[in-house]
Amino acid sequence: QVQLVESGGGSVQAGGSLRLSCAASRYTLTRYSMAWFRQAPGKEREGVAVIFSAGGGTNYADSVKGRFVISQDTAKNTLYLQMDSLKPEDTAMYYCAADWMGGNSWAATRFRYWGQGTQVTVSS
């Protein structure tokens, strides 16, 4: 069974950096496309970044392009989201997701497995 556990969230000043980690169960990263989503209070859950199992290509939401990088270390079974130049609007609960079921990869409903989330708060 796929298990995902996020960590690395915290509170930072605008312009700061955080590196989120998602510890995944064995074989998850090589078998499944992975993604980071985020959800702020009163807002819909939105896709942040995707890394595809077939070829390792990545896609980023326009709002984070040039600031965030999704990567993975399959030997450590860990997915990462490096977040630089953080802005207050990046404040949200960040979730790791696995197993894109096809269709719109930016839709949370298209991913089968989810972690518990880790909070990121960016102050101005």
N, C-alpha and C. Protein backbone atom coordinates (compact mmCIF):
# COMPACT_ATOMS: atom_id res chain seq x y z
N GLN A 1 0.84 -1.18 0.00
CA GLN A 1 0.00 0.00 0.00
C GLN A 1 0.89 1.24 0.00
N VAL A 2 0.49 2.25 -0.76
CA VAL A 2 1.26 3.48 -0.86
C VAL A 2 1.05 4.33 0.38
N GLN A 3 2.17 4.79 0.95
CA GLN A 3 2.13 5.70 2.09
C GLN A 3 2.97 6.92 1.77
N LEU A 4 2.46 8.08 2.13
CA LEU A 4 3.14 9.34 1.86
C LEU A 4 3.12 10.18 3.13
N VAL A 5 4.29 10.68 3.53
CA VAL A 5 4.41 11.49 4.73
C VAL A 5 5.22 12.74 4.42
N GLU A 6 4.57 13.90 4.49
CA GLU A 6 5.24 15.16 4.22
C GLU A 6 5.92 15.71 5.47
N SER A 7 6.97 16.50 5.25
CA SER A 7 7.65 17.19 6.33
C SER A 7 8.38 18.39 5.75
N GLY A 8 8.90 19.24 6.61
CA GLY A 8 9.70 20.36 6.17
C GLY A 8 8.99 21.70 6.15
N GLY A 9 7.71 21.71 6.43
CA GLY A 9 6.99 22.97 6.47
C GLY A 9 7.42 23.81 7.66
N GLY A 10 7.01 25.06 7.65
CA GLY A 10 7.36 25.95 8.73
C GLY A 10 6.98 27.37 8.41
N SER A 11 7.46 28.29 9.21
CA SER A 11 7.19 29.71 9.03
C SER A 11 8.46 30.43 8.60
N VAL A 12 8.36 31.20 7.53
CA VAL A 12 9.50 31.94 7.01
C VAL A 12 9.08 33.34 6.60
N GLN A 13 10.07 34.21 6.48
CA GLN A 13 9.83 35.55 5.98
C GLN A 13 9.74 35.53 4.46
N ALA A 14 9.03 36.48 3.89
CA ALA A 14 8.98 36.61 2.45
C ALA A 14 10.39 36.68 1.88
N GLY A 15 10.61 35.97 0.79
CA GLY A 15 11.93 35.92 0.19
C GLY A 15 12.77 34.76 0.68
N GLY A 16 12.30 34.08 1.71
CA GLY A 16 13.02 32.95 2.26
C GLY A 16 12.78 31.67 1.49
N SER A 17 13.36 30.59 2.01
CA SER A 17 13.28 29.30 1.34
C SER A 17 12.88 28.19 2.29
N LEU A 18 12.26 27.17 1.75
CA LEU A 18 11.94 25.95 2.47
C LEU A 18 12.09 24.79 1.52
N ARG A 19 12.44 23.63 2.06
CA ARG A 19 12.51 22.42 1.28
C ARG A 19 11.57 21.39 1.89
N LEU A 20 10.51 21.08 1.19
CA LEU A 20 9.56 20.10 1.65
C LEU A 20 9.99 18.71 1.21
N SER A 21 9.73 17.73 2.05
CA SER A 21 10.04 16.34 1.74
C SER A 21 8.78 15.50 1.83
N CYS A 22 8.71 14.49 1.01
CA CYS A 22 7.62 13.53 1.05
C CYS A 22 8.24 12.15 1.06
N ALA A 23 8.19 11.50 2.20
CA ALA A 23 8.71 10.14 2.32
C ALA A 23 7.66 9.18 1.79
N ALA A 24 8.04 8.42 0.79
CA ALA A 24 7.10 7.52 0.12
C ALA A 24 7.46 6.06 0.37
N SER A 25 6.48 5.23 0.32
CA SER A 25 6.71 3.80 0.45
C SER A 25 7.49 3.29 -0.75
N ARG A 26 8.13 2.14 -0.57
CA ARG A 26 9.01 1.60 -1.60
C ARG A 26 8.32 1.46 -2.95
N TYR A 27 9.06 1.81 -4.00
CA TYR A 27 8.66 1.71 -5.40
C TYR A 27 7.67 2.78 -5.85
N THR A 28 7.18 3.58 -4.94
CA THR A 28 6.18 4.59 -5.30
C THR A 28 6.71 5.58 -6.34
N LEU A 29 7.90 6.10 -6.11
CA LEU A 29 8.42 7.15 -6.98
C LEU A 29 8.76 6.66 -8.37
N THR A 30 9.18 5.43 -8.50
CA THR A 30 9.52 4.89 -9.81
C THR A 30 8.29 4.42 -10.57
N ARG A 31 7.27 4.05 -9.84
CA ARG A 31 6.07 3.51 -10.46
C ARG A 31 5.04 4.58 -10.82
N TYR A 32 4.94 5.62 -9.99
CA TYR A 32 3.88 6.60 -10.15
C TYR A 32 4.37 8.00 -10.44
N SER A 33 3.59 8.71 -11.23
CA SER A 33 3.80 10.15 -11.35
C SER A 33 3.42 10.77 -10.02
N MET A 34 4.14 11.81 -9.62
CA MET A 34 3.96 12.43 -8.32
C MET A 34 3.66 13.91 -8.46
N ALA A 35 3.06 14.48 -7.44
CA ALA A 35 2.73 15.90 -7.49
C ALA A 35 2.70 16.52 -6.11
N TRP A 36 2.87 17.82 -6.10
CA TRP A 36 2.64 18.63 -4.91
C TRP A 36 1.43 19.51 -5.17
N PHE A 37 0.52 19.52 -4.22
CA PHE A 37 -0.64 20.40 -4.24
C PHE A 37 -0.60 21.28 -3.01
N ARG A 38 -1.37 22.34 -3.02
CA ARG A 38 -1.48 23.18 -1.83
C ARG A 38 -2.91 23.70 -1.71
N GLN A 39 -3.28 23.99 -0.48
CA GLN A 39 -4.62 24.50 -0.22
C GLN A 39 -4.58 25.50 0.92
N ALA A 40 -5.02 26.69 0.64
CA ALA A 40 -5.13 27.74 1.64
C ALA A 40 -6.58 27.81 2.12
N PRO A 41 -6.80 28.31 3.33
CA PRO A 41 -8.17 28.42 3.83
C PRO A 41 -9.06 29.21 2.88
N GLY A 42 -10.23 28.66 2.57
CA GLY A 42 -11.16 29.34 1.70
C GLY A 42 -10.85 29.22 0.22
N LYS A 43 -9.82 28.47 -0.13
CA LYS A 43 -9.44 28.31 -1.53
C LYS A 43 -9.48 26.84 -1.95
N GLU A 44 -9.58 26.61 -3.24
CA GLU A 44 -9.56 25.27 -3.77
C GLU A 44 -8.14 24.71 -3.70
N ARG A 45 -8.05 23.38 -3.60
CA ARG A 45 -6.75 22.74 -3.65
C ARG A 45 -6.20 22.89 -5.07
N GLU A 46 -4.99 23.38 -5.18
CA GLU A 46 -4.41 23.64 -6.49
C GLU A 46 -3.10 22.89 -6.69
N GLY A 47 -2.88 22.47 -7.92
CA GLY A 47 -1.65 21.80 -8.25
C GLY A 47 -0.49 22.78 -8.27
N VAL A 48 0.64 22.38 -7.74
CA VAL A 48 1.83 23.20 -7.68
C VAL A 48 2.88 22.72 -8.67
N ALA A 49 3.16 21.43 -8.64
CA ALA A 49 4.18 20.86 -9.51
C ALA A 49 3.92 19.37 -9.69
N VAL A 50 4.30 18.86 -10.84
CA VAL A 50 4.13 17.45 -11.16
C VAL A 50 5.44 16.92 -11.72
N ILE A 51 5.77 15.69 -11.35
CA ILE A 51 6.90 15.00 -11.96
C ILE A 51 6.38 13.66 -12.46
N PHE A 52 6.59 13.41 -13.74
CA PHE A 52 6.02 12.23 -14.37
C PHE A 52 6.96 11.03 -14.32
N SER A 53 6.38 9.87 -14.03
CA SER A 53 7.18 8.65 -13.91
C SER A 53 7.78 8.24 -15.25
N ALA A 54 7.09 8.54 -16.33
CA ALA A 54 7.57 8.21 -17.67
C ALA A 54 8.45 9.34 -18.19
N GLY A 55 9.75 9.23 -17.94
CA GLY A 55 10.70 10.21 -18.44
C GLY A 55 11.16 11.25 -17.45
N GLY A 56 10.44 11.43 -16.37
CA GLY A 56 10.85 12.36 -15.34
C GLY A 56 10.60 13.82 -15.65
N GLY A 57 9.80 14.10 -16.66
CA GLY A 57 9.49 15.47 -16.99
C GLY A 57 8.70 16.14 -15.89
N THR A 58 8.75 17.45 -15.83
CA THR A 58 8.07 18.20 -14.79
C THR A 58 7.21 19.31 -15.37
N ASN A 59 6.17 19.67 -14.63
CA ASN A 59 5.32 20.80 -14.96
C ASN A 59 5.11 21.61 -13.69
N TYR A 60 4.99 22.92 -13.85
CA TYR A 60 4.80 23.81 -12.72
C TYR A 60 3.64 24.75 -12.97
N ALA A 61 2.93 25.07 -11.90
CA ALA A 61 1.91 26.09 -11.99
C ALA A 61 2.58 27.42 -12.32
N ASP A 62 1.90 28.26 -13.07
CA ASP A 62 2.47 29.55 -13.45
C ASP A 62 2.89 30.37 -12.23
N SER A 63 2.15 30.24 -11.15
CA SER A 63 2.41 31.02 -9.96
C SER A 63 3.72 30.68 -9.26
N VAL A 64 4.30 29.51 -9.56
CA VAL A 64 5.52 29.10 -8.88
C VAL A 64 6.69 28.88 -9.82
N LYS A 65 6.48 29.04 -11.11
CA LYS A 65 7.56 28.84 -12.08
C LYS A 65 8.74 29.75 -11.78
N GLY A 66 9.92 29.16 -11.81
CA GLY A 66 11.12 29.92 -11.54
C GLY A 66 11.47 30.04 -10.08
N ARG A 67 10.55 29.63 -9.20
CA ARG A 67 10.78 29.71 -7.76
C ARG A 67 10.81 28.35 -7.08
N PHE A 68 10.01 27.42 -7.58
CA PHE A 68 9.92 26.09 -6.98
C PHE A 68 10.53 25.05 -7.91
N VAL A 69 11.10 24.01 -7.33
CA VAL A 69 11.64 22.89 -8.10
C VAL A 69 11.20 21.58 -7.46
N ILE A 70 10.57 20.72 -8.26
CA ILE A 70 10.20 19.40 -7.79
C ILE A 70 11.28 18.42 -8.22
N SER A 71 11.65 17.52 -7.33
CA SER A 71 12.66 16.53 -7.63
C SER A 71 12.43 15.31 -6.76
N GLN A 72 13.16 14.25 -7.03
CA GLN A 72 13.02 13.05 -6.22
C GLN A 72 14.32 12.29 -6.13
N ASP A 73 14.48 11.58 -5.03
CA ASP A 73 15.62 10.72 -4.80
C ASP A 73 15.04 9.33 -4.61
N THR A 74 15.08 8.53 -5.67
CA THR A 74 14.45 7.22 -5.61
C THR A 74 15.16 6.28 -4.64
N ALA A 75 16.47 6.46 -4.46
CA ALA A 75 17.21 5.63 -3.51
C ALA A 75 16.73 5.87 -2.08
N LYS A 76 16.29 7.09 -1.80
CA LYS A 76 15.79 7.43 -0.47
C LYS A 76 14.27 7.40 -0.41
N ASN A 77 13.63 7.07 -1.52
CA ASN A 77 12.17 7.04 -1.59
C ASN A 77 11.57 8.37 -1.12
N THR A 78 12.16 9.46 -1.58
CA THR A 78 11.73 10.77 -1.12
C THR A 78 11.50 11.73 -2.28
N LEU A 79 10.38 12.39 -2.26
CA LEU A 79 10.03 13.45 -3.20
C LEU A 79 10.29 14.78 -2.51
N TYR A 80 10.80 15.76 -3.25
CA TYR A 80 11.12 17.07 -2.68
C TYR A 80 10.42 18.20 -3.43
N LEU A 81 10.23 19.28 -2.71
CA LEU A 81 9.80 20.52 -3.33
C LEU A 81 10.67 21.63 -2.73
N GLN A 82 11.62 22.11 -3.51
CA GLN A 82 12.46 23.21 -3.08
C GLN A 82 11.73 24.51 -3.41
N MET A 83 11.49 25.32 -2.41
CA MET A 83 10.73 26.55 -2.57
C MET A 83 11.62 27.73 -2.22
N ASP A 84 11.89 28.56 -3.21
CA ASP A 84 12.72 29.75 -3.02
C ASP A 84 11.89 30.99 -3.30
N SER A 85 12.39 32.13 -2.85
CA SER A 85 11.72 33.41 -3.07
C SER A 85 10.25 33.34 -2.66
N LEU A 86 10.02 32.80 -1.49
CA LEU A 86 8.65 32.60 -1.03
C LEU A 86 7.90 33.91 -0.84
N LYS A 87 6.62 33.86 -1.15
CA LYS A 87 5.74 35.01 -1.04
C LYS A 87 4.61 34.70 -0.07
N PRO A 88 4.01 35.72 0.53
CA PRO A 88 2.89 35.46 1.44
C PRO A 88 1.77 34.64 0.79
N GLU A 89 1.55 34.81 -0.49
CA GLU A 89 0.51 34.05 -1.18
C GLU A 89 0.84 32.57 -1.34
N ASP A 90 2.06 32.17 -0.99
CA ASP A 90 2.42 30.76 -0.99
C ASP A 90 1.96 30.07 0.29
N THR A 91 1.47 30.82 1.24
CA THR A 91 1.00 30.25 2.49
C THR A 91 -0.14 29.28 2.24
N ALA A 92 0.02 28.05 2.70
CA ALA A 92 -0.97 27.01 2.46
C ALA A 92 -0.53 25.72 3.13
N MET A 93 -1.44 24.77 3.17
CA MET A 93 -1.08 23.41 3.52
C MET A 93 -0.62 22.74 2.24
N TYR A 94 0.55 22.15 2.27
CA TYR A 94 1.11 21.50 1.09
C TYR A 94 0.99 19.99 1.21
N TYR A 95 0.51 19.37 0.14
CA TYR A 95 0.26 17.93 0.12
C TYR A 95 1.06 17.24 -0.97
N CYS A 96 1.54 16.07 -0.66
CA CYS A 96 2.18 15.18 -1.62
C CYS A 96 1.13 14.23 -2.15
N ALA A 97 1.13 13.99 -3.45
CA ALA A 97 0.16 13.09 -4.06
C ALA A 97 0.85 12.13 -5.01
N ALA A 98 0.29 10.95 -5.13
CA ALA A 98 0.87 9.91 -5.99
C ALA A 98 -0.18 9.24 -6.86
N ASP A 99 0.27 8.72 -7.96
CA ASP A 99 -0.53 7.92 -8.87
C ASP A 99 -1.55 8.74 -9.65
N TRP A 100 -1.05 9.42 -10.66
CA TRP A 100 -1.92 10.12 -11.58
C TRP A 100 -2.73 9.09 -12.35
N MET A 101 -4.04 9.26 -12.33
CA MET A 101 -4.95 8.30 -12.95
C MET A 101 -5.33 8.68 -14.38
N GLY A 102 -4.64 9.65 -14.91
CA GLY A 102 -4.94 10.12 -16.24
C GLY A 102 -5.83 11.34 -16.18
N GLY A 103 -5.99 11.99 -17.31
CA GLY A 103 -6.78 13.20 -17.35
C GLY A 103 -5.96 14.40 -16.91
N ASN A 104 -6.63 15.37 -16.34
CA ASN A 104 -6.01 16.62 -15.94
C ASN A 104 -5.10 16.43 -14.73
N SER A 105 -3.79 16.52 -14.93
CA SER A 105 -2.84 16.32 -13.84
C SER A 105 -2.83 17.46 -12.83
N TRP A 106 -3.54 18.55 -13.12
CA TRP A 106 -3.64 19.66 -12.19
C TRP A 106 -4.84 19.52 -11.27
N ALA A 107 -5.64 18.49 -11.48
CA ALA A 107 -6.83 18.27 -10.67
C ALA A 107 -6.52 17.28 -9.56
N ALA A 108 -6.80 17.67 -8.33
CA ALA A 108 -6.53 16.81 -7.19
C ALA A 108 -7.26 15.48 -7.28
N THR A 109 -8.42 15.48 -7.90
CA THR A 109 -9.22 14.27 -8.00
C THR A 109 -8.60 13.22 -8.91
N ARG A 110 -7.57 13.59 -9.66
CA ARG A 110 -6.92 12.65 -10.56
C ARG A 110 -5.74 11.93 -9.92
N PHE A 111 -5.48 12.17 -8.65
CA PHE A 111 -4.42 11.47 -7.93
C PHE A 111 -5.01 10.57 -6.86
N ARG A 112 -4.50 9.37 -6.78
CA ARG A 112 -5.09 8.35 -5.92
C ARG A 112 -4.66 8.43 -4.46
N TYR A 113 -3.38 8.71 -4.21
CA TYR A 113 -2.85 8.66 -2.85
C TYR A 113 -2.38 10.02 -2.38
N TRP A 114 -2.57 10.26 -1.08
CA TRP A 114 -2.25 11.57 -0.50
C TRP A 114 -1.59 11.46 0.85
N GLY A 115 -0.69 12.40 1.14
CA GLY A 115 -0.11 12.52 2.45
C GLY A 115 -1.00 13.37 3.34
N GLN A 116 -0.54 13.59 4.56
CA GLN A 116 -1.34 14.33 5.54
C GLN A 116 -1.19 15.84 5.43
N GLY A 117 -0.18 16.29 4.72
CA GLY A 117 0.05 17.71 4.54
C GLY A 117 1.05 18.29 5.52
N THR A 118 1.70 19.36 5.11
CA THR A 118 2.61 20.10 5.97
C THR A 118 2.38 21.59 5.73
N GLN A 119 2.28 22.34 6.81
CA GLN A 119 1.91 23.75 6.72
C GLN A 119 3.10 24.63 6.38
N VAL A 120 2.89 25.52 5.42
CA VAL A 120 3.88 26.53 5.06
C VAL A 120 3.25 27.90 5.28
N THR A 121 3.92 28.72 6.07
CA THR A 121 3.43 30.06 6.35
C THR A 121 4.52 31.07 6.01
N VAL A 122 4.19 32.02 5.15
CA VAL A 122 5.14 33.03 4.72
C VAL A 122 4.64 34.39 5.16
N SER A 123 5.41 35.07 5.96
CA SER A 123 5.03 36.38 6.47
C SER A 123 5.68 37.48 5.65
N SER A 124 5.03 38.63 5.63
CA SER A 124 5.54 39.77 4.88
C SER A 124 6.48 40.63 5.70
